[in-house]
Amino acid sequence: MARMHTRRRGSSDSDKPVADEPPEWSDVDEDAIEARVVELAEQGHSPSEIGLQLRDEGVQGTPVPNVKLATGKKVTEILEANEAEPELPEDLRNLMERAVRLREHMDENPGDHQNKRALQNTQSKIRRLVDYYRGDGVDEDFTYSYDKAVELLD
């Protein structure tokens, strides 16, 4: 599939190994994993950071290579079930953070035309994602603006 804002095509990445069940060496209890996921979310970690910490540090000293294989639920599903989900979807939040950084850079460097285009492309992606998440991840009447992004990210 082609990229959104260029004429190039994406390069293929390696695929995850196909697995139906967690590895034998990772025999952590589902409840312990869910409790650790909620604990990390309350500390302010995003779902992807939670997955990385579970992979690297694990639960009770045992790494968890794949939360979905171990528990049958994704990290975001666990967070929704325990009412610890973030207020904004992670991909939308990351794009908003990037747009705010680009906007601040543009205020300091008004002649930087390359970053002006990058800001326009990022804002376009944000508007598309807001339309996608409207009603589920964000309010029905939410519209993106720089001021709202700064307010939400603080």
N, C-alpha and C. Protein backbone atom coordinates (compact mmCIF):
# COMPACT_ATOMS: atom_id res chain seq x y z
N MET A 1 0.84 -1.17 0.00
CA MET A 1 0.00 0.00 0.00
C MET A 1 0.90 1.24 0.00
N ALA A 2 0.50 2.26 -0.70
CA ALA A 2 1.30 3.48 -0.81
C ALA A 2 1.19 4.32 0.45
N ARG A 3 2.16 5.17 0.66
CA ARG A 3 2.15 6.09 1.80
C ARG A 3 1.09 7.17 1.58
N MET A 4 0.68 7.81 2.66
CA MET A 4 -0.39 8.79 2.58
C MET A 4 0.06 10.07 1.88
N HIS A 5 1.24 10.58 2.22
CA HIS A 5 1.65 11.88 1.73
C HIS A 5 2.88 11.83 0.82
N THR A 6 3.23 10.68 0.28
CA THR A 6 4.33 10.58 -0.68
C THR A 6 3.92 9.60 -1.77
N ARG A 7 4.73 9.50 -2.79
CA ARG A 7 4.43 8.57 -3.87
C ARG A 7 5.09 7.21 -3.65
N ARG A 8 5.90 7.11 -2.61
CA ARG A 8 6.64 5.87 -2.37
C ARG A 8 5.75 4.81 -1.76
N ARG A 9 6.25 3.60 -1.85
CA ARG A 9 5.56 2.49 -1.20
C ARG A 9 6.30 2.11 0.07
N GLY A 10 5.62 1.50 0.99
CA GLY A 10 6.25 1.09 2.22
C GLY A 10 7.10 -0.14 2.01
N SER A 11 8.10 -0.31 2.86
CA SER A 11 8.92 -1.52 2.78
C SER A 11 8.31 -2.57 3.69
N SER A 12 8.47 -3.81 3.32
CA SER A 12 7.86 -4.87 4.12
C SER A 12 8.70 -5.13 5.36
N ASP A 13 8.04 -5.40 6.46
CA ASP A 13 8.73 -5.70 7.71
C ASP A 13 8.66 -7.20 7.97
N SER A 14 9.42 -7.62 8.97
CA SER A 14 9.35 -9.03 9.34
C SER A 14 8.04 -9.25 10.10
N ASP A 15 7.55 -10.45 10.01
CA ASP A 15 6.30 -10.79 10.68
C ASP A 15 6.59 -11.46 12.01
N LYS A 16 5.63 -11.33 12.92
CA LYS A 16 5.74 -12.04 14.18
C LYS A 16 5.60 -13.53 13.92
N PRO A 17 6.26 -14.37 14.70
CA PRO A 17 6.06 -15.80 14.53
C PRO A 17 4.61 -16.18 14.85
N VAL A 18 4.07 -17.08 14.10
CA VAL A 18 2.71 -17.53 14.34
C VAL A 18 2.69 -18.41 15.58
N ALA A 19 1.90 -18.04 16.55
CA ALA A 19 1.82 -18.82 17.79
C ALA A 19 0.38 -18.82 18.27
N ASP A 20 -0.03 -19.96 18.81
CA ASP A 20 -1.39 -20.09 19.32
C ASP A 20 -1.44 -19.97 20.84
N GLU A 21 -0.32 -20.22 21.49
CA GLU A 21 -0.29 -20.20 22.95
C GLU A 21 1.06 -19.62 23.40
N PRO A 22 1.10 -19.10 24.61
CA PRO A 22 2.36 -18.51 25.09
C PRO A 22 3.43 -19.58 25.25
N PRO A 23 4.70 -19.19 25.22
CA PRO A 23 5.77 -20.17 25.37
C PRO A 23 5.73 -20.84 26.75
N GLU A 24 6.29 -22.02 26.83
CA GLU A 24 6.25 -22.78 28.08
C GLU A 24 6.99 -22.09 29.21
N TRP A 25 8.07 -21.37 28.86
CA TRP A 25 8.89 -20.75 29.90
C TRP A 25 8.22 -19.52 30.50
N SER A 26 7.15 -19.03 29.88
CA SER A 26 6.44 -17.86 30.40
C SER A 26 5.08 -18.31 30.93
N ASP A 27 5.07 -18.78 32.15
CA ASP A 27 3.84 -19.31 32.74
C ASP A 27 3.33 -18.41 33.86
N VAL A 28 3.07 -17.14 33.52
CA VAL A 28 2.59 -16.18 34.51
C VAL A 28 1.07 -16.23 34.54
N ASP A 29 0.51 -16.06 35.71
CA ASP A 29 -0.94 -16.08 35.90
C ASP A 29 -1.59 -14.89 35.21
N GLU A 30 -2.74 -15.11 34.58
CA GLU A 30 -3.46 -14.05 33.85
C GLU A 30 -3.82 -12.88 34.77
N ASP A 31 -4.26 -13.18 35.98
CA ASP A 31 -4.66 -12.13 36.91
C ASP A 31 -3.46 -11.26 37.30
N ALA A 32 -2.30 -11.88 37.43
CA ALA A 32 -1.09 -11.11 37.78
C ALA A 32 -0.70 -10.19 36.63
N ILE A 33 -0.85 -10.67 35.41
CA ILE A 33 -0.53 -9.84 34.24
C ILE A 33 -1.50 -8.66 34.17
N GLU A 34 -2.79 -8.91 34.34
CA GLU A 34 -3.78 -7.84 34.28
C GLU A 34 -3.55 -6.81 35.38
N ALA A 35 -3.21 -7.27 36.57
CA ALA A 35 -2.94 -6.35 37.67
C ALA A 35 -1.71 -5.49 37.36
N ARG A 36 -0.68 -6.09 36.77
CA ARG A 36 0.53 -5.33 36.41
C ARG A 36 0.23 -4.32 35.31
N VAL A 37 -0.62 -4.69 34.34
CA VAL A 37 -0.98 -3.77 33.26
C VAL A 37 -1.70 -2.56 33.83
N VAL A 38 -2.64 -2.78 34.72
CA VAL A 38 -3.39 -1.67 35.33
C VAL A 38 -2.46 -0.81 36.19
N GLU A 39 -1.55 -1.45 36.92
CA GLU A 39 -0.60 -0.71 37.75
C GLU A 39 0.29 0.19 36.89
N LEU A 40 0.78 -0.33 35.76
CA LEU A 40 1.63 0.48 34.88
C LEU A 40 0.83 1.62 34.24
N ALA A 41 -0.43 1.36 33.93
CA ALA A 41 -1.27 2.42 33.34
C ALA A 41 -1.50 3.54 34.34
N GLU A 42 -1.70 3.19 35.59
CA GLU A 42 -1.90 4.20 36.63
C GLU A 42 -0.64 5.02 36.87
N GLN A 43 0.52 4.45 36.55
CA GLN A 43 1.78 5.19 36.66
C GLN A 43 1.97 6.14 35.48
N GLY A 44 1.08 6.07 34.49
CA GLY A 44 1.14 7.01 33.36
C GLY A 44 1.76 6.45 32.10
N HIS A 45 1.94 5.14 32.02
CA HIS A 45 2.53 4.55 30.82
C HIS A 45 1.47 4.33 29.75
N SER A 46 1.86 4.47 28.48
CA SER A 46 0.96 4.22 27.37
C SER A 46 0.88 2.71 27.13
N PRO A 47 -0.13 2.25 26.37
CA PRO A 47 -0.25 0.81 26.12
C PRO A 47 0.99 0.19 25.47
N SER A 48 1.64 0.89 24.56
CA SER A 48 2.83 0.30 23.94
C SER A 48 3.99 0.24 24.93
N GLU A 49 4.12 1.24 25.81
CA GLU A 49 5.15 1.20 26.84
C GLU A 49 4.89 0.06 27.83
N ILE A 50 3.62 -0.19 28.11
CA ILE A 50 3.26 -1.28 29.01
C ILE A 50 3.70 -2.61 28.41
N GLY A 51 3.43 -2.79 27.11
CA GLY A 51 3.85 -4.03 26.45
C GLY A 51 5.35 -4.21 26.47
N LEU A 52 6.10 -3.12 26.26
CA LEU A 52 7.56 -3.20 26.29
C LEU A 52 8.05 -3.56 27.69
N GLN A 53 7.47 -2.95 28.71
CA GLN A 53 7.91 -3.26 30.07
C GLN A 53 7.58 -4.70 30.47
N LEU A 54 6.43 -5.19 30.04
CA LEU A 54 6.10 -6.58 30.35
C LEU A 54 7.04 -7.53 29.61
N ARG A 55 7.43 -7.16 28.40
CA ARG A 55 8.36 -7.99 27.64
C ARG A 55 9.74 -8.00 28.29
N ASP A 56 10.20 -6.82 28.72
CA ASP A 56 11.56 -6.70 29.24
C ASP A 56 11.68 -7.08 30.71
N GLU A 57 10.78 -6.53 31.55
CA GLU A 57 10.87 -6.77 32.99
C GLU A 57 10.00 -7.94 33.43
N GLY A 58 8.84 -8.05 32.80
CA GLY A 58 7.95 -9.15 33.12
C GLY A 58 7.12 -8.92 34.37
N VAL A 59 6.48 -9.98 34.81
CA VAL A 59 5.66 -9.97 36.01
C VAL A 59 6.27 -10.99 36.95
N GLN A 60 6.60 -10.57 38.15
CA GLN A 60 7.23 -11.44 39.14
C GLN A 60 8.51 -12.05 38.60
N GLY A 61 9.24 -11.28 37.79
CA GLY A 61 10.53 -11.74 37.27
C GLY A 61 10.45 -12.60 36.02
N THR A 62 9.26 -12.95 35.57
CA THR A 62 9.12 -13.76 34.36
C THR A 62 8.62 -12.89 33.23
N PRO A 63 9.36 -12.81 32.12
CA PRO A 63 8.92 -11.98 30.99
C PRO A 63 7.63 -12.48 30.37
N VAL A 64 6.86 -11.54 29.82
CA VAL A 64 5.62 -11.87 29.12
C VAL A 64 5.82 -11.43 27.67
N PRO A 65 6.14 -12.36 26.76
CA PRO A 65 6.45 -11.95 25.38
C PRO A 65 5.26 -11.39 24.62
N ASN A 66 4.05 -11.85 24.93
CA ASN A 66 2.87 -11.38 24.21
C ASN A 66 1.68 -11.41 25.16
N VAL A 67 1.17 -10.23 25.49
CA VAL A 67 0.07 -10.14 26.46
C VAL A 67 -1.18 -10.81 25.93
N LYS A 68 -1.45 -10.67 24.63
CA LYS A 68 -2.67 -11.24 24.08
C LYS A 68 -2.64 -12.77 24.14
N LEU A 69 -1.48 -13.38 23.88
CA LEU A 69 -1.40 -14.84 23.98
C LEU A 69 -1.54 -15.30 25.43
N ALA A 70 -0.98 -14.54 26.36
CA ALA A 70 -1.00 -14.95 27.76
C ALA A 70 -2.37 -14.78 28.40
N THR A 71 -3.10 -13.71 28.03
CA THR A 71 -4.37 -13.42 28.70
C THR A 71 -5.59 -13.59 27.81
N GLY A 72 -5.41 -13.58 26.51
CA GLY A 72 -6.54 -13.64 25.59
C GLY A 72 -7.12 -12.27 25.29
N LYS A 73 -6.52 -11.21 25.87
CA LYS A 73 -6.98 -9.84 25.65
C LYS A 73 -5.80 -8.97 25.29
N LYS A 74 -6.05 -7.92 24.51
CA LYS A 74 -5.02 -6.93 24.23
C LYS A 74 -4.86 -6.03 25.44
N VAL A 75 -3.75 -5.29 25.47
CA VAL A 75 -3.49 -4.38 26.59
C VAL A 75 -4.62 -3.35 26.70
N THR A 76 -5.04 -2.79 25.56
CA THR A 76 -6.11 -1.78 25.61
C THR A 76 -7.43 -2.37 26.09
N GLU A 77 -7.70 -3.63 25.76
CA GLU A 77 -8.92 -4.28 26.25
C GLU A 77 -8.87 -4.47 27.76
N ILE A 78 -7.70 -4.81 28.27
CA ILE A 78 -7.54 -4.95 29.73
C ILE A 78 -7.77 -3.60 30.41
N LEU A 79 -7.22 -2.55 29.81
CA LEU A 79 -7.39 -1.22 30.39
C LEU A 79 -8.85 -0.78 30.35
N GLU A 80 -9.55 -1.07 29.27
CA GLU A 80 -10.98 -0.72 29.18
C GLU A 80 -11.79 -1.47 30.23
N ALA A 81 -11.48 -2.75 30.42
CA ALA A 81 -12.23 -3.55 31.39
C ALA A 81 -12.02 -3.05 32.81
N ASN A 82 -10.85 -2.49 33.09
CA ASN A 82 -10.54 -2.01 34.44
C ASN A 82 -10.67 -0.50 34.56
N GLU A 83 -11.27 0.13 33.55
CA GLU A 83 -11.51 1.57 33.53
C GLU A 83 -10.23 2.38 33.80
N ALA A 84 -9.14 1.97 33.15
CA ALA A 84 -7.87 2.67 33.30
C ALA A 84 -7.36 3.14 31.94
N GLU A 85 -8.26 3.21 30.97
CA GLU A 85 -7.85 3.56 29.61
C GLU A 85 -7.46 5.04 29.52
N PRO A 86 -6.54 5.38 28.62
CA PRO A 86 -6.18 6.79 28.46
C PRO A 86 -7.33 7.58 27.85
N GLU A 87 -7.33 8.90 28.08
CA GLU A 87 -8.43 9.73 27.58
C GLU A 87 -8.40 9.88 26.07
N LEU A 88 -7.20 9.78 25.46
CA LEU A 88 -7.05 9.84 24.00
C LEU A 88 -6.43 8.55 23.51
N PRO A 89 -6.81 8.06 22.34
CA PRO A 89 -6.11 6.91 21.77
C PRO A 89 -4.64 7.24 21.56
N GLU A 90 -3.78 6.24 21.72
CA GLU A 90 -2.34 6.47 21.72
C GLU A 90 -1.82 7.05 20.40
N ASP A 91 -2.31 6.55 19.27
CA ASP A 91 -1.81 7.06 17.99
C ASP A 91 -2.21 8.52 17.77
N LEU A 92 -3.41 8.88 18.19
CA LEU A 92 -3.86 10.27 18.08
C LEU A 92 -3.05 11.18 19.01
N ARG A 93 -2.78 10.70 20.21
CA ARG A 93 -1.98 11.48 21.15
C ARG A 93 -0.56 11.72 20.61
N ASN A 94 0.05 10.69 20.04
CA ASN A 94 1.40 10.84 19.50
C ASN A 94 1.44 11.84 18.35
N LEU A 95 0.43 11.80 17.50
CA LEU A 95 0.37 12.76 16.40
C LEU A 95 0.17 14.18 16.91
N MET A 96 -0.65 14.34 17.95
CA MET A 96 -0.86 15.67 18.52
C MET A 96 0.42 16.20 19.14
N GLU A 97 1.17 15.34 19.83
CA GLU A 97 2.44 15.77 20.40
C GLU A 97 3.40 16.23 19.31
N ARG A 98 3.42 15.50 18.21
CA ARG A 98 4.29 15.88 17.09
C ARG A 98 3.85 17.22 16.50
N ALA A 99 2.55 17.41 16.34
CA ALA A 99 2.04 18.66 15.77
C ALA A 99 2.37 19.85 16.67
N VAL A 100 2.28 19.66 17.98
CA VAL A 100 2.61 20.75 18.90
C VAL A 100 4.09 21.08 18.80
N ARG A 101 4.95 20.06 18.76
CA ARG A 101 6.39 20.31 18.61
C ARG A 101 6.70 21.03 17.31
N LEU A 102 6.07 20.60 16.21
CA LEU A 102 6.30 21.24 14.92
C LEU A 102 5.81 22.68 14.93
N ARG A 103 4.68 22.92 15.56
CA ARG A 103 4.13 24.27 15.62
C ARG A 103 5.05 25.20 16.41
N GLU A 104 5.57 24.71 17.53
CA GLU A 104 6.50 25.51 18.32
C GLU A 104 7.77 25.79 17.52
N HIS A 105 8.23 24.81 16.76
CA HIS A 105 9.40 25.01 15.91
C HIS A 105 9.11 26.05 14.82
N MET A 106 7.92 25.99 14.26
CA MET A 106 7.55 26.94 13.21
C MET A 106 7.45 28.37 13.76
N ASP A 107 7.04 28.52 15.01
CA ASP A 107 6.99 29.85 15.62
C ASP A 107 8.39 30.45 15.76
N GLU A 108 9.36 29.59 16.07
CA GLU A 108 10.74 30.06 16.22
C GLU A 108 11.44 30.22 14.87
N ASN A 109 11.06 29.40 13.88
CA ASN A 109 11.72 29.40 12.57
C ASN A 109 10.68 29.52 11.46
N PRO A 110 10.17 30.73 11.20
CA PRO A 110 9.09 30.88 10.23
C PRO A 110 9.50 30.58 8.78
N GLY A 111 10.77 30.55 8.49
CA GLY A 111 11.20 30.29 7.12
C GLY A 111 11.45 28.82 6.82
N ASP A 112 11.17 27.96 7.77
CA ASP A 112 11.42 26.52 7.58
C ASP A 112 10.24 25.90 6.83
N HIS A 113 10.32 25.90 5.52
CA HIS A 113 9.20 25.44 4.69
C HIS A 113 9.02 23.93 4.74
N GLN A 114 10.11 23.20 4.96
CA GLN A 114 10.00 21.75 5.04
C GLN A 114 9.15 21.34 6.25
N ASN A 115 9.40 21.99 7.37
CA ASN A 115 8.62 21.66 8.56
C ASN A 115 7.21 22.21 8.49
N LYS A 116 7.01 23.26 7.70
CA LYS A 116 5.65 23.75 7.50
C LYS A 116 4.82 22.69 6.80
N ARG A 117 5.40 22.05 5.79
CA ARG A 117 4.71 20.97 5.09
C ARG A 117 4.50 19.77 6.02
N ALA A 118 5.51 19.45 6.83
CA ALA A 118 5.37 18.34 7.77
C ALA A 118 4.24 18.61 8.76
N LEU A 119 4.11 19.87 9.20
CA LEU A 119 3.01 20.23 10.10
C LEU A 119 1.66 20.07 9.41
N GLN A 120 1.58 20.50 8.16
CA GLN A 120 0.32 20.36 7.42
C GLN A 120 -0.05 18.88 7.26
N ASN A 121 0.93 18.05 6.93
CA ASN A 121 0.67 16.62 6.78
C ASN A 121 0.25 15.99 8.10
N THR A 122 0.90 16.37 9.18
CA THR A 122 0.56 15.82 10.49
C THR A 122 -0.85 16.23 10.90
N GLN A 123 -1.21 17.50 10.66
CA GLN A 123 -2.56 17.95 11.00
C GLN A 123 -3.60 17.23 10.15
N SER A 124 -3.26 16.93 8.91
CA SER A 124 -4.18 16.18 8.06
C SER A 124 -4.41 14.77 8.62
N LYS A 125 -3.33 14.14 9.08
CA LYS A 125 -3.46 12.81 9.67
C LYS A 125 -4.29 12.85 10.94
N ILE A 126 -4.11 13.91 11.72
CA ILE A 126 -4.89 14.05 12.96
C ILE A 126 -6.37 14.16 12.64
N ARG A 127 -6.71 14.98 11.65
CA ARG A 127 -8.13 15.15 11.29
C ARG A 127 -8.73 13.83 10.81
N ARG A 128 -7.96 13.05 10.04
CA ARG A 128 -8.46 11.74 9.60
C ARG A 128 -8.70 10.82 10.79
N LEU A 129 -7.75 10.79 11.73
CA LEU A 129 -7.91 9.92 12.90
C LEU A 129 -9.07 10.37 13.79
N VAL A 130 -9.27 11.68 13.91
CA VAL A 130 -10.39 12.18 14.71
C VAL A 130 -11.70 11.70 14.09
N ASP A 131 -11.80 11.75 12.77
CA ASP A 131 -13.01 11.24 12.12
C ASP A 131 -13.19 9.75 12.38
N TYR A 132 -12.08 9.00 12.40
CA TYR A 132 -12.14 7.56 12.65
C TYR A 132 -12.61 7.26 14.07
N TYR A 133 -12.07 8.01 15.03
CA TYR A 133 -12.38 7.74 16.44
C TYR A 133 -13.61 8.47 16.95
N ARG A 134 -14.23 9.29 16.15
CA ARG A 134 -15.35 10.11 16.60
C ARG A 134 -16.44 9.23 17.23
N GLY A 135 -16.80 9.54 18.46
CA GLY A 135 -17.83 8.77 19.16
C GLY A 135 -17.25 7.70 20.07
N ASP A 136 -16.18 7.02 19.64
CA ASP A 136 -15.59 5.96 20.47
C ASP A 136 -14.43 6.50 21.32
N GLY A 137 -13.38 7.00 20.65
CA GLY A 137 -12.20 7.46 21.36
C GLY A 137 -12.25 8.93 21.72
N VAL A 138 -13.01 9.72 20.94
CA VAL A 138 -13.13 11.16 21.21
C VAL A 138 -14.61 11.55 21.13
N ASP A 139 -14.92 12.74 21.63
CA ASP A 139 -16.31 13.21 21.64
C ASP A 139 -16.83 13.42 20.22
N GLU A 140 -18.14 13.41 20.08
CA GLU A 140 -18.77 13.61 18.77
C GLU A 140 -18.47 14.98 18.18
N ASP A 141 -18.38 15.99 19.03
CA ASP A 141 -18.19 17.35 18.54
C ASP A 141 -16.74 17.82 18.60
N PHE A 142 -15.79 16.89 18.76
CA PHE A 142 -14.38 17.26 18.86
C PHE A 142 -13.85 17.68 17.49
N THR A 143 -13.17 18.81 17.46
CA THR A 143 -12.43 19.24 16.27
C THR A 143 -11.03 19.61 16.71
N TYR A 144 -10.05 19.30 15.88
CA TYR A 144 -8.67 19.53 16.23
C TYR A 144 -8.31 21.00 16.07
N SER A 145 -7.60 21.52 17.04
CA SER A 145 -6.96 22.83 16.93
C SER A 145 -5.71 22.78 17.79
N TYR A 146 -4.77 23.66 17.51
CA TYR A 146 -3.52 23.69 18.25
C TYR A 146 -3.78 23.93 19.74
N ASP A 147 -4.66 24.86 20.04
CA ASP A 147 -4.96 25.18 21.45
C ASP A 147 -5.55 23.99 22.20
N LYS A 148 -6.47 23.26 21.55
CA LYS A 148 -7.06 22.08 22.18
C LYS A 148 -6.01 21.01 22.40
N ALA A 149 -5.10 20.85 21.43
CA ALA A 149 -4.05 19.85 21.55
C ALA A 149 -3.15 20.16 22.73
N VAL A 150 -2.76 21.42 22.88
CA VAL A 150 -1.90 21.82 24.00
C VAL A 150 -2.64 21.58 25.32
N GLU A 151 -3.92 21.90 25.35
CA GLU A 151 -4.72 21.71 26.56
C GLU A 151 -4.85 20.24 26.92
N LEU A 152 -5.09 19.38 25.93
CA LEU A 152 -5.25 17.95 26.19
C LEU A 152 -3.95 17.29 26.60
N LEU A 153 -2.83 17.75 26.07
CA LEU A 153 -1.56 17.10 26.35
C LEU A 153 -0.94 17.53 27.67
N ASP A 154 -1.45 18.60 28.27
CA ASP A 154 -0.88 19.04 29.56
C ASP A 154 -1.40 18.26 30.72
